[in-house]
Amino acid sequence: MSDTPRQRSGRVAIIGRPSVGKSTLLNRLVGAKLSITSRKPQTTRHRISGILTEPGRQFVFVDTPGFQTQHRSRLNERLNRTVRDSLADVDVVVWMVDAARLLTADREVAALVPEATPIVVAVNKIDAMSDKSALLPRLSELSALRSFAAIVPISAEAGTQVDALKDEIAKLLPEGPLLYGDDELTDRDERFLAAEFVREKIFRIVGEEIPYATTVTIDRFEQEGRLRRIFASVLVERPSQRAILLGEKGERMKSISMQARRDLEKLFDAPVYLEVWVRVKKGWADDDASLTRLGY
């Protein structure tokens, strides 16, 4: 018998209700900012894979939108479908819950996972618990729900126990060849990442409602040597939303563009020229044709 370690590789869906920390965990696992984050729920709208290759194992982590059970729109219906579709072709599911509370919405997400797919529970935000003894009842509550492959308390933000979570996932990956090259980081191209980084700054900088009425498209993406020239449009549904996004004398949009450009330069390790325009497209979030063109 050979003592050579067997190579494992597979797809791992990260699921959970909105705002539980899925994108933060993906970024922590792969060691790079790929999936956008904000304190607002439903920031993630697209399926994005982050690839981590280590000796003897490759993880393809699939970040998904938060499963939406309350607000209904054509857009949210498509986001929920993205979550369901992501579960159809993965080897392992990481179900993220908040250490502070387990809601009906959490259980509804877990119920989407096929019985045959192993689930590792990531109990997130343990760093925010002032009374760590309160974690024990939560772990007992989870254990009673169904048979899980493992339950791991973590902090995606601080990185606490993330290596332990990775090890539990690795045990469940099938043996086989690498799915991607060992130097690949994501299945998404730079054009997609540029649109997402602009959208993240809108979620972080603008008030509660406006970000949900926006999406970002890349009109042109050019590369001259190391320089990326990116021309983007932010779509909103009403002229009043455009005015809010622009801010007085366009200062708010300048801030959004500047912060997005800085993050893109860090990600690409190269200079970026970014130009962003705000355009009105009434009803884009409830129009099937528009949503298809926009990649939802």
C-alpha atoms as a PDB file:
ATOM      1  CA  MET A   1       0.000   0.000   0.000  1.00  0.00           C
ATOM      2  CA  SER A   2       1.202   3.510  -0.804  1.00  0.00           C
ATOM      3  CA  ASP A   3       1.620   6.045   1.979  1.00  0.00           C
ATOM      4  CA  THR A   4       1.263   8.927  -0.487  1.00  0.00           C
ATOM      5  CA  PRO A   5      -1.472  11.325   0.704  1.00  0.00           C
ATOM      6  CA  ARG A   6      -4.528  11.219  -1.503  1.00  0.00           C
ATOM      7  CA  GLN A   7      -5.525  14.402  -3.286  1.00  0.00           C
ATOM      8  CA  ARG A   8      -8.976  15.772  -2.583  1.00  0.00           C
ATOM      9  CA  SER A   9     -10.883  18.494  -4.407  1.00  0.00           C
ATOM     10  CA  GLY A  10     -14.485  19.606  -4.576  1.00  0.00           C
ATOM     11  CA  ARG A  11     -17.109  22.325  -4.557  1.00  0.00           C
ATOM     12  CA  VAL A  12     -18.329  23.750  -1.277  1.00  0.00           C
ATOM     13  CA  ALA A  13     -21.446  25.945  -1.117  1.00  0.00           C
ATOM     14  CA  ILE A  14     -21.604  28.561   1.636  1.00  0.00           C
ATOM     15  CA  ILE A  15     -25.249  29.216   2.459  1.00  0.00           C
ATOM     16  CA  GLY A  16     -27.221  31.092   5.085  1.00  0.00           C
ATOM     17  CA  ARG A  17     -29.772  33.799   5.610  1.00  0.00           C
ATOM     18  CA  PRO A  18     -28.839  37.417   4.742  1.00  0.00           C
ATOM     19  CA  SER A  19     -26.182  39.165   6.874  1.00  0.00           C
ATOM     20  CA  VAL A  20     -24.824  36.037   8.547  1.00  0.00           C
ATOM     21  CA  GLY A  21     -21.290  36.519   7.164  1.00  0.00           C
ATOM     22  CA  LYS A  22     -21.032  34.310   4.064  1.00  0.00           C
ATOM     23  CA  SER A  23     -18.986  36.688   1.935  1.00  0.00           C
ATOM     24  CA  THR A  24     -16.699  37.546   4.844  1.00  0.00           C
ATOM     25  CA  LEU A  25     -16.028  33.839   5.330  1.00  0.00           C
ATOM     26  CA  LEU A  26     -15.294  33.274   1.629  1.00  0.00           C
ATOM     27  CA  ASN A  27     -12.780  36.121   1.618  1.00  0.00           C
ATOM     28  CA  ARG A  28     -11.176  34.837   4.819  1.00  0.00           C
ATOM     29  CA  LEU A  29     -10.882  31.293   3.463  1.00  0.00           C
ATOM     30  CA  VAL A  30      -9.206  32.238   0.184  1.00  0.00           C
ATOM     31  CA  GLY A  31      -7.120  35.042   1.695  1.00  0.00           C
ATOM     32  CA  ALA A  32      -8.303  37.721  -0.740  1.00  0.00           C
ATOM     33  CA  LYS A  33     -11.249  40.044  -1.162  1.00  0.00           C
ATOM     34  CA  LEU A  34     -13.363  38.499  -3.904  1.00  0.00           C
ATOM     35  CA  SER A  35     -16.914  38.739  -2.609  1.00  0.00           C
ATOM     36  CA  ILE A  36     -18.230  42.153  -1.628  1.00  0.00           C
ATOM     37  CA  THR A  37     -19.439  42.826   1.909  1.00  0.00           C
ATOM     38  CA  SER A  38     -21.460  45.418   3.810  1.00  0.00           C
ATOM     39  CA  ARG A  39     -23.617  45.585   6.906  1.00  0.00           C
ATOM     40  CA  LYS A  40     -26.739  45.664   4.739  1.00  0.00           C
ATOM     41  CA  PRO A  41     -28.464  42.335   4.033  1.00  0.00           C
ATOM     42  CA  GLN A  42     -28.600  40.920   0.503  1.00  0.00           C
ATOM     43  CA  THR A  43     -25.338  42.591  -0.574  1.00  0.00           C
ATOM     44  CA  THR A  44     -24.333  39.456  -2.494  1.00  0.00           C
ATOM     45  CA  ARG A  45     -26.416  38.966  -5.638  1.00  0.00           C
ATOM     46  CA  HIS A  46     -24.306  36.618  -7.738  1.00  0.00           C
ATOM     47  CA  ARG A  47     -22.801  33.214  -7.291  1.00  0.00           C
ATOM     48  CA  ILE A  48     -19.024  33.607  -7.087  1.00  0.00           C
ATOM     49  CA  SER A  49     -16.422  30.918  -6.477  1.00  0.00           C
ATOM     50  CA  GLY A  50     -13.232  31.417  -4.514  1.00  0.00           C
ATOM     51  CA  ILE A  51     -10.540  28.812  -5.113  1.00  0.00           C
ATOM     52  CA  LEU A  52      -8.092  27.714  -2.412  1.00  0.00           C
ATOM     53  CA  THR A  53      -5.399  25.212  -3.298  1.00  0.00           C
ATOM     54  CA  GLU A  54      -3.269  23.687  -0.558  1.00  0.00           C
ATOM     55  CA  PRO A  55      -0.987  20.619  -0.543  1.00  0.00           C
ATOM     56  CA  GLY A  56      -3.172  17.602  -1.238  1.00  0.00           C
ATOM     57  CA  ARG A  57      -6.474  19.478  -1.428  1.00  0.00           C
ATOM     58  CA  GLN A  58      -8.389  22.095  -3.403  1.00  0.00           C
ATOM     59  CA  PHE A  59     -11.514  23.862  -2.164  1.00  0.00           C
ATOM     60  CA  VAL A  60     -13.846  25.627  -4.591  1.00  0.00           C
ATOM     61  CA  PHE A  61     -15.927  27.747  -2.227  1.00  0.00           C
ATOM     62  CA  VAL A  62     -19.190  28.981  -3.734  1.00  0.00           C
ATOM     63  CA  ASP A  63     -20.592  32.142  -2.151  1.00  0.00           C
ATOM     64  CA  THR A  64     -24.333  32.548  -2.658  1.00  0.00           C
ATOM     65  CA  PRO A  65     -26.901  35.306  -2.056  1.00  0.00           C
ATOM     66  CA  GLY A  66     -28.683  35.222   1.285  1.00  0.00           C
ATOM     67  CA  PHE A  67     -31.891  33.244   0.860  1.00  0.00           C
ATOM     68  CA  GLN A  68     -34.734  35.769   0.948  1.00  0.00           C
ATOM     69  CA  THR A  69     -38.023  34.710   2.553  1.00  0.00           C
ATOM     70  CA  GLN A  70     -39.703  38.077   3.130  1.00  0.00           C
ATOM     71  CA  HIS A  71     -39.326  40.579   0.270  1.00  0.00           C
ATOM     72  CA  ARG A  72     -40.631  39.437  -3.098  1.00  0.00           C
ATOM     73  CA  SER A  73     -39.505  40.759  -6.482  1.00  0.00           C
ATOM     74  CA  ARG A  74     -38.332  39.268  -9.758  1.00  0.00           C
ATOM     75  CA  LEU A  75     -34.759  39.985  -8.659  1.00  0.00           C
ATOM     76  CA  ASN A  76     -35.148  38.220  -5.307  1.00  0.00           C
ATOM     77  CA  GLU A  77     -36.832  35.261  -6.990  1.00  0.00           C
ATOM     78  CA  ARG A  78     -33.781  34.918  -9.223  1.00  0.00           C
ATOM     79  CA  LEU A  79     -31.399  35.253  -6.267  1.00  0.00           C
ATOM     80  CA  ASN A  80     -33.242  32.474  -4.428  1.00  0.00           C
ATOM     81  CA  ARG A  81     -33.030  30.328  -7.550  1.00  0.00           C
ATOM     82  CA  THR A  82     -29.265  30.931  -7.588  1.00  0.00           C
ATOM     83  CA  VAL A  83     -29.072  29.526  -4.047  1.00  0.00           C
ATOM     84  CA  ARG A  84     -31.103  26.419  -4.994  1.00  0.00           C
ATOM     85  CA  ASP A  85     -29.071  25.841  -8.174  1.00  0.00           C
ATOM     86  CA  SER A  86     -25.805  26.158  -6.237  1.00  0.00           C
ATOM     87  CA  LEU A  87     -26.819  23.267  -4.004  1.00  0.00           C
ATOM     88  CA  ALA A  88     -27.398  20.920  -6.909  1.00  0.00           C
ATOM     89  CA  ASP A  89     -23.760  20.393  -7.879  1.00  0.00           C
ATOM     90  CA  VAL A  90     -21.672  20.707  -4.709  1.00  0.00           C
ATOM     91  CA  ASP A  91     -19.911  18.087  -2.611  1.00  0.00           C
ATOM     92  CA  VAL A  92     -20.241  19.820   0.760  1.00  0.00           C
ATOM     93  CA  VAL A  93     -22.427  22.572   2.200  1.00  0.00           C
ATOM     94  CA  VAL A  94     -21.287  25.043   4.839  1.00  0.00           C
ATOM     95  CA  TRP A  95     -24.406  26.332   6.591  1.00  0.00           C
ATOM     96  CA  MET A  96     -23.654  29.577   8.400  1.00  0.00           C
ATOM     97  CA  VAL A  97     -25.674  30.667  11.415  1.00  0.00           C
ATOM     98  CA  ASP A  98     -25.248  33.474  13.921  1.00  0.00           C
ATOM     99  CA  ALA A  99     -24.009  32.373  17.340  1.00  0.00           C
ATOM    100  CA  ALA A 100     -26.386  34.855  18.975  1.00  0.00           C
ATOM    101  CA  ARG A 101     -29.648  33.458  17.596  1.00  0.00           C
ATOM    102  CA  LEU A 102     -31.164  30.744  15.431  1.00  0.00           C
ATOM    103  CA  LEU A 103     -34.143  31.984  13.437  1.00  0.00           C
ATOM    104  CA  THR A 104     -36.897  30.365  11.400  1.00  0.00           C
ATOM    105  CA  ALA A 105     -35.172  31.824   8.334  1.00  0.00           C
ATOM    106  CA  ASP A 106     -32.037  29.832   9.230  1.00  0.00           C
ATOM    107  CA  ARG A 107     -34.003  26.595   9.357  1.00  0.00           C
ATOM    108  CA  GLU A 108     -35.642  27.376   6.017  1.00  0.00           C
ATOM    109  CA  VAL A 109     -32.219  27.685   4.415  1.00  0.00           C
ATOM    110  CA  ALA A 110     -30.979  24.399   5.916  1.00  0.00           C
ATOM    111  CA  ALA A 111     -34.121  22.658   4.631  1.00  0.00           C
ATOM    112  CA  LEU A 112     -33.019  23.418   1.049  1.00  0.00           C
ATOM    113  CA  VAL A 113     -30.005  21.105   1.326  1.00  0.00           C
ATOM    114  CA  PRO A 114     -30.544  17.608  -0.109  1.00  0.00           C
ATOM    115  CA  GLU A 115     -30.392  14.864   2.514  1.00  0.00           C
ATOM    116  CA  ALA A 116     -27.442  13.177   0.805  1.00  0.00           C
ATOM    117  CA  THR A 117     -25.229  16.284   0.885  1.00  0.00           C
ATOM    118  CA  PRO A 118     -23.025  16.558   3.984  1.00  0.00           C
ATOM    119  CA  ILE A 119     -23.396  19.775   5.981  1.00  0.00           C
ATOM    120  CA  VAL A 120     -20.762  21.449   8.125  1.00  0.00           C
ATOM    121  CA  VAL A 121     -22.304  24.106  10.385  1.00  0.00           C
ATOM    122  CA  ALA A 122     -20.261  27.281  10.865  1.00  0.00           C
ATOM    123  CA  VAL A 123     -21.542  29.049  13.983  1.00  0.00           C
ATOM    124  CA  ASN A 124     -20.315  32.558  13.259  1.00  0.00           C
ATOM    125  CA  LYS A 125     -19.608  35.718  15.272  1.00  0.00           C
ATOM    126  CA  ILE A 126     -18.461  33.979  18.451  1.00  0.00           C
ATOM    127  CA  ASP A 127     -16.131  36.934  19.018  1.00  0.00           C
ATOM    128  CA  ALA A 128     -19.203  39.132  19.581  1.00  0.00           C
ATOM    129  CA  MET A 129     -20.521  36.965  22.435  1.00  0.00           C
ATOM    130  CA  SER A 130     -19.799  38.520  25.819  1.00  0.00           C
ATOM    131  CA  ASP A 131     -20.981  35.372  27.601  1.00  0.00           C
ATOM    132  CA  LYS A 132     -19.313  32.405  25.913  1.00  0.00           C
ATOM    133  CA  SER A 133     -21.339  29.949  28.012  1.00  0.00           C
ATOM    134  CA  ALA A 134     -24.388  30.990  25.966  1.00  0.00           C
ATOM    135  CA  LEU A 135     -22.806  29.167  23.024  1.00  0.00           C
ATOM    136  CA  LEU A 136     -23.427  25.710  24.521  1.00  0.00           C
ATOM    137  CA  PRO A 137     -27.251  25.865  24.295  1.00  0.00           C
ATOM    138  CA  ARG A 138     -26.921  27.042  20.682  1.00  0.00           C
ATOM    139  CA  LEU A 139     -24.719  24.062  19.799  1.00  0.00           C
ATOM    140  CA  SER A 140     -27.185  21.703  21.483  1.00  0.00           C
ATOM    141  CA  GLU A 141     -30.061  23.291  19.598  1.00  0.00           C
ATOM    142  CA  LEU A 142     -28.254  22.781  16.308  1.00  0.00           C
ATOM    143  CA  SER A 143     -27.323  19.183  17.087  1.00  0.00           C
ATOM    144  CA  ALA A 144     -30.998  18.355  17.583  1.00  0.00           C
ATOM    145  CA  LEU A 145     -32.036  19.597  14.126  1.00  0.00           C
ATOM    146  CA  ARG A 146     -30.457  16.875  11.976  1.00  0.00           C
ATOM    147  CA  SER A 147     -27.267  14.881  11.559  1.00  0.00           C
ATOM    148  CA  PHE A 148     -24.419  17.218  10.648  1.00  0.00           C
ATOM    149  CA  ALA A 149     -20.918  16.209   9.590  1.00  0.00           C
ATOM    150  CA  ALA A 150     -19.484  18.762  12.043  1.00  0.00           C
ATOM    151  CA  ILE A 151     -20.409  21.910  13.961  1.00  0.00           C
ATOM    152  CA  VAL A 152     -17.600  24.469  14.248  1.00  0.00           C
ATOM    153  CA  PRO A 153     -17.858  27.765  16.188  1.00  0.00           C
ATOM    154  CA  ILE A 154     -15.941  30.456  14.267  1.00  0.00           C
ATOM    155  CA  SER A 155     -15.404  34.145  13.726  1.00  0.00           C
ATOM    156  CA  ALA A 156     -15.116  34.827  10.000  1.00  0.00           C
ATOM    157  CA  GLU A 157     -14.185  38.448  10.758  1.00  0.00           C
ATOM    158  CA  ALA A 158     -11.330  37.593  13.150  1.00  0.00           C
ATOM    159  CA  GLY A 159     -10.338  34.283  11.571  1.00  0.00           C
ATOM    160  CA  THR A 160     -10.981  32.314  14.766  1.00  0.00           C
ATOM    161  CA  GLN A 161     -11.305  28.547  14.152  1.00  0.00           C
ATOM    162  CA  VAL A 162     -11.388  29.008  10.368  1.00  0.00           C
ATOM    163  CA  ASP A 163      -8.534  26.513   9.907  1.00  0.00           C
ATOM    164  CA  ALA A 164     -10.500  23.979  11.962  1.00  0.00           C
ATOM    165  CA  LEU A 165     -13.524  24.589   9.728  1.00  0.00           C
ATOM    166  CA  LYS A 166     -11.365  24.018   6.657  1.00  0.00           C
ATOM    167  CA  ASP A 167     -10.072  20.712   8.031  1.00  0.00           C
ATOM    168  CA  GLU A 168     -13.602  19.453   8.678  1.00  0.00           C
ATOM    169  CA  ILE A 169     -14.611  20.346   5.114  1.00  0.00           C
ATOM    170  CA  ALA A 170     -11.513  18.677   3.646  1.00  0.00           C
ATOM    171  CA  LYS A 171     -12.472  15.349   5.224  1.00  0.00           C
ATOM    172  CA  LEU A 172     -15.646  15.366   3.108  1.00  0.00           C
ATOM    173  CA  LEU A 173     -14.152  16.310  -0.268  1.00  0.00           C
ATOM    174  CA  PRO A 174     -13.988  13.517  -2.851  1.00  0.00           C
ATOM    175  CA  GLU A 175     -10.671  12.186  -4.044  1.00  0.00           C
ATOM    176  CA  GLY A 176      -9.771  13.363  -7.507  1.00  0.00           C
ATOM    177  CA  PRO A 177      -7.832  15.794  -9.690  1.00  0.00           C
ATOM    178  CA  LEU A 178      -7.787  19.554  -9.210  1.00  0.00           C
ATOM    179  CA  LEU A 179     -10.806  21.344 -10.690  1.00  0.00           C
ATOM    180  CA  TYR A 180      -8.800  24.515 -11.393  1.00  0.00           C
ATOM    181  CA  GLY A 181      -5.158  25.447 -11.847  1.00  0.00           C
ATOM    182  CA  ASP A 182      -3.292  25.733  -8.566  1.00  0.00           C
ATOM    183  CA  ASP A 183      -2.706  29.467  -9.132  1.00  0.00           C
ATOM    184  CA  GLU A 184      -6.344  30.361  -9.902  1.00  0.00           C
ATOM    185  CA  LEU A 185      -8.258  32.397  -7.336  1.00  0.00           C
ATOM    186  CA  THR A 186     -11.789  32.753  -8.746  1.00  0.00           C
ATOM    187  CA  ASP A 187     -14.020  31.711 -11.626  1.00  0.00           C
ATOM    188  CA  ARG A 188     -15.036  35.323 -12.276  1.00  0.00           C
ATOM    189  CA  ASP A 189     -13.238  37.750 -14.584  1.00  0.00           C
ATOM    190  CA  GLU A 190     -11.943  41.238 -13.811  1.00  0.00           C
ATOM    191  CA  ARG A 191     -14.905  42.887 -15.529  1.00  0.00           C
ATOM    192  CA  PHE A 192     -17.320  41.191 -13.110  1.00  0.00           C
ATOM    193  CA  LEU A 193     -15.169  42.070 -10.091  1.00  0.00           C
ATOM    194  CA  ALA A 194     -15.005  45.726 -11.152  1.00  0.00           C
ATOM    195  CA  ALA A 195     -18.819  45.991 -11.247  1.00  0.00           C
ATOM    196  CA  GLU A 196     -19.109  44.289  -7.863  1.00  0.00           C
ATOM    197  CA  PHE A 197     -16.579  46.582  -6.179  1.00  0.00           C
ATOM    198  CA  VAL A 198     -18.468  49.671  -7.361  1.00  0.00           C
ATOM    199  CA  ARG A 199     -21.718  48.174  -6.084  1.00  0.00           C
ATOM    200  CA  GLU A 200     -20.139  47.407  -2.718  1.00  0.00           C
ATOM    201  CA  LYS A 201     -19.240  51.064  -2.187  1.00  0.00           C
ATOM    202  CA  ILE A 202     -22.830  52.059  -2.961  1.00  0.00           C
ATOM    203  CA  PHE A 203     -24.029  49.641  -0.268  1.00  0.00           C
ATOM    204  CA  ARG A 204     -21.489  50.979   2.210  1.00  0.00           C
ATOM    205  CA  ILE A 205     -21.849  54.705   1.557  1.00  0.00           C
ATOM    206  CA  VAL A 206     -25.495  55.334   0.598  1.00  0.00           C
ATOM    207  CA  GLY A 207     -28.568  55.137   2.868  1.00  0.00           C
ATOM    208  CA  GLU A 208     -30.759  52.130   3.581  1.00  0.00           C
ATOM    209  CA  GLU A 209     -33.046  51.881   0.543  1.00  0.00           C
ATOM    210  CA  ILE A 210     -31.107  53.272  -2.424  1.00  0.00           C
ATOM    211  CA  PRO A 211     -28.571  50.402  -2.818  1.00  0.00           C
ATOM    212  CA  TYR A 212     -31.374  47.884  -3.442  1.00  0.00           C
ATOM    213  CA  ALA A 213     -32.618  49.960  -6.376  1.00  0.00           C
ATOM    214  CA  THR A 214     -29.206  49.925  -8.067  1.00  0.00           C
ATOM    215  CA  THR A 215     -27.103  47.630 -10.180  1.00  0.00           C
ATOM    216  CA  VAL A 216     -23.790  48.205 -11.949  1.00  0.00           C
ATOM    217  CA  THR A 217     -22.815  47.419 -15.535  1.00  0.00           C
ATOM    218  CA  ILE A 218     -19.402  47.698 -17.183  1.00  0.00           C
ATOM    219  CA  ASP A 219     -19.696  49.573 -20.472  1.00  0.00           C
ATOM    220  CA  ARG A 220     -16.014  49.263 -21.462  1.00  0.00           C
ATOM    221  CA  PHE A 221     -13.025  47.488 -19.936  1.00  0.00           C
ATOM    222  CA  GLU A 222      -9.685  48.173 -21.597  1.00  0.00           C
ATOM    223  CA  GLN A 223      -6.149  47.211 -20.662  1.00  0.00           C
ATOM    224  CA  GLU A 224      -3.069  49.121 -21.780  1.00  0.00           C
ATOM    225  CA  GLY A 225      -0.010  47.427 -20.346  1.00  0.00           C
ATOM    226  CA  ARG A 226      -0.721  47.174 -16.611  1.00  0.00           C
ATOM    227  CA  LEU A 227      -3.307  50.005 -16.647  1.00  0.00           C
ATOM    228  CA  ARG A 228      -6.988  49.056 -16.577  1.00  0.00           C
ATOM    229  CA  ARG A 229      -9.420  51.652 -17.975  1.00  0.00           C
ATOM    230  CA  ILE A 230     -12.909  50.889 -16.682  1.00  0.00           C
ATOM    231  CA  PHE A 231     -16.115  52.721 -17.695  1.00  0.00           C
ATOM    232  CA  ALA A 232     -19.141  51.754 -15.586  1.00  0.00           C
ATOM    233  CA  SER A 233     -22.817  52.698 -15.289  1.00  0.00           C
ATOM    234  CA  VAL A 234     -24.919  52.571 -12.140  1.00  0.00           C
ATOM    235  CA  LEU A 235     -28.575  51.912 -12.998  1.00  0.00           C
ATOM    236  CA  VAL A 236     -31.319  53.282 -10.752  1.00  0.00           C
ATOM    237  CA  GLU A 237     -35.082  53.165 -11.098  1.00  0.00           C
ATOM    238  CA  ARG A 238     -36.016  56.838 -10.546  1.00  0.00           C
ATOM    239  CA  PRO A 239     -34.485  60.288 -11.122  1.00  0.00           C
ATOM    240  CA  SER A 240     -34.732  61.034  -7.376  1.00  0.00           C
ATOM    241  CA  GLN A 241     -32.483  58.031  -6.688  1.00  0.00           C
ATOM    242  CA  ARG A 242     -29.975  59.315  -9.221  1.00  0.00           C
ATOM    243  CA  ALA A 243     -29.841  62.649  -7.409  1.00  0.00           C
ATOM    244  CA  ILE A 244     -29.218  60.931  -4.052  1.00  0.00           C
ATOM    245  CA  LEU A 245     -26.456  58.773  -5.514  1.00  0.00           C
ATOM    246  CA  LEU A 246     -24.716  61.717  -7.107  1.00  0.00           C
ATOM    247  CA  GLY A 247     -24.908  63.913  -4.004  1.00  0.00           C
ATOM    248  CA  GLU A 248     -24.202  67.621  -3.994  1.00  0.00           C
ATOM    249  CA  LYS A 249     -22.071  68.528  -7.015  1.00  0.00           C
ATOM    250  CA  GLY A 250     -21.492  64.813  -7.597  1.00  0.00           C
ATOM    251  CA  GLU A 251     -19.395  64.440  -4.433  1.00  0.00           C
ATOM    252  CA  ARG A 252     -21.021  61.202  -3.227  1.00  0.00           C
ATOM    253  CA  MET A 253     -20.421  59.412  -6.504  1.00  0.00           C
ATOM    254  CA  LYS A 254     -16.857  60.720  -6.593  1.00  0.00           C
ATOM    255  CA  SER A 255     -16.288  59.141  -3.191  1.00  0.00           C
ATOM    256  CA  ILE A 256     -17.839  55.848  -4.331  1.00  0.00           C
ATOM    257  CA  SER A 257     -15.649  55.783  -7.443  1.00  0.00           C
ATOM    258  CA  MET A 258     -12.474  56.692  -5.558  1.00  0.00           C
ATOM    259  CA  GLN A 259     -12.922  53.979  -2.939  1.00  0.00           C
ATOM    260  CA  ALA A 260     -13.809  51.357  -5.559  1.00  0.00           C
ATOM    261  CA  ARG A 261     -10.752  52.306  -7.619  1.00  0.00           C
ATOM    262  CA  ARG A 262      -8.446  51.920  -4.617  1.00  0.00           C
ATOM    263  CA  ASP A 263      -9.798  48.434  -3.864  1.00  0.00           C
ATOM    264  CA  LEU A 264      -9.502  47.381  -7.500  1.00  0.00           C
ATOM    265  CA  GLU A 265      -5.897  48.576  -7.654  1.00  0.00           C
ATOM    266  CA  LYS A 266      -5.146  46.473  -4.594  1.00  0.00           C
ATOM    267  CA  LEU A 267      -6.872  43.401  -6.062  1.00  0.00           C
ATOM    268  CA  PHE A 268      -5.295  43.735  -9.528  1.00  0.00           C
ATOM    269  CA  ASP A 269      -1.957  44.992  -8.174  1.00  0.00           C
ATOM    270  CA  ALA A 270      -2.002  47.509 -11.008  1.00  0.00           C
ATOM    271  CA  PRO A 271      -3.174  51.076 -11.729  1.00  0.00           C
ATOM    272  CA  VAL A 272      -6.858  51.599 -12.519  1.00  0.00           C
ATOM    273  CA  TYR A 273      -8.696  54.438 -14.234  1.00  0.00           C
ATOM    274  CA  LEU A 274     -12.369  54.261 -13.241  1.00  0.00           C
ATOM    275  CA  GLU A 275     -15.182  56.404 -14.635  1.00  0.00           C
ATOM    276  CA  VAL A 276     -18.738  55.898 -13.322  1.00  0.00           C
ATOM    277  CA  TRP A 277     -22.003  57.335 -14.636  1.00  0.00           C
ATOM    278  CA  VAL A 278     -25.461  57.129 -13.046  1.00  0.00           C
ATOM    279  CA  ARG A 279     -28.364  56.328 -15.384  1.00  0.00           C
ATOM    280  CA  VAL A 280     -32.123  55.877 -14.851  1.00  0.00           C
ATOM    281  CA  LYS A 281     -33.686  52.585 -16.024  1.00  0.00           C
ATOM    282  CA  LYS A 282     -37.207  52.339 -14.649  1.00  0.00           C
ATOM    283  CA  GLY A 283     -38.312  48.959 -13.261  1.00  0.00           C
ATOM    284  CA  TRP A 284     -35.102  47.048 -14.039  1.00  0.00           C
ATOM    285  CA  ALA A 285     -35.421  44.867 -10.895  1.00  0.00           C
ATOM    286  CA  ASP A 286     -38.851  43.524 -11.900  1.00  0.00           C
ATOM    287  CA  ASP A 287     -38.254  43.098 -15.627  1.00  0.00           C
ATOM    288  CA  ASP A 288     -37.190  39.606 -16.705  1.00  0.00           C
ATOM    289  CA  ALA A 289     -35.533  40.760 -19.916  1.00  0.00           C
ATOM    290  CA  SER A 290     -33.495  43.416 -18.110  1.00  0.00           C
ATOM    291  CA  LEU A 291     -32.458  40.981 -15.373  1.00  0.00           C
ATOM    292  CA  THR A 292     -31.271  38.460 -17.959  1.00  0.00           C
ATOM    293  CA  ARG A 293     -29.217  41.094 -19.789  1.00  0.00           C
ATOM    294  CA  LEU A 294     -27.714  42.166 -16.448  1.00  0.00           C
ATOM    295  CA  GLY A 295     -26.613  38.629 -15.651  1.00  0.00           C
ATOM    296  CA  TYR A 296     -29.135  37.726 -12.916  1.00  0.00           C
END
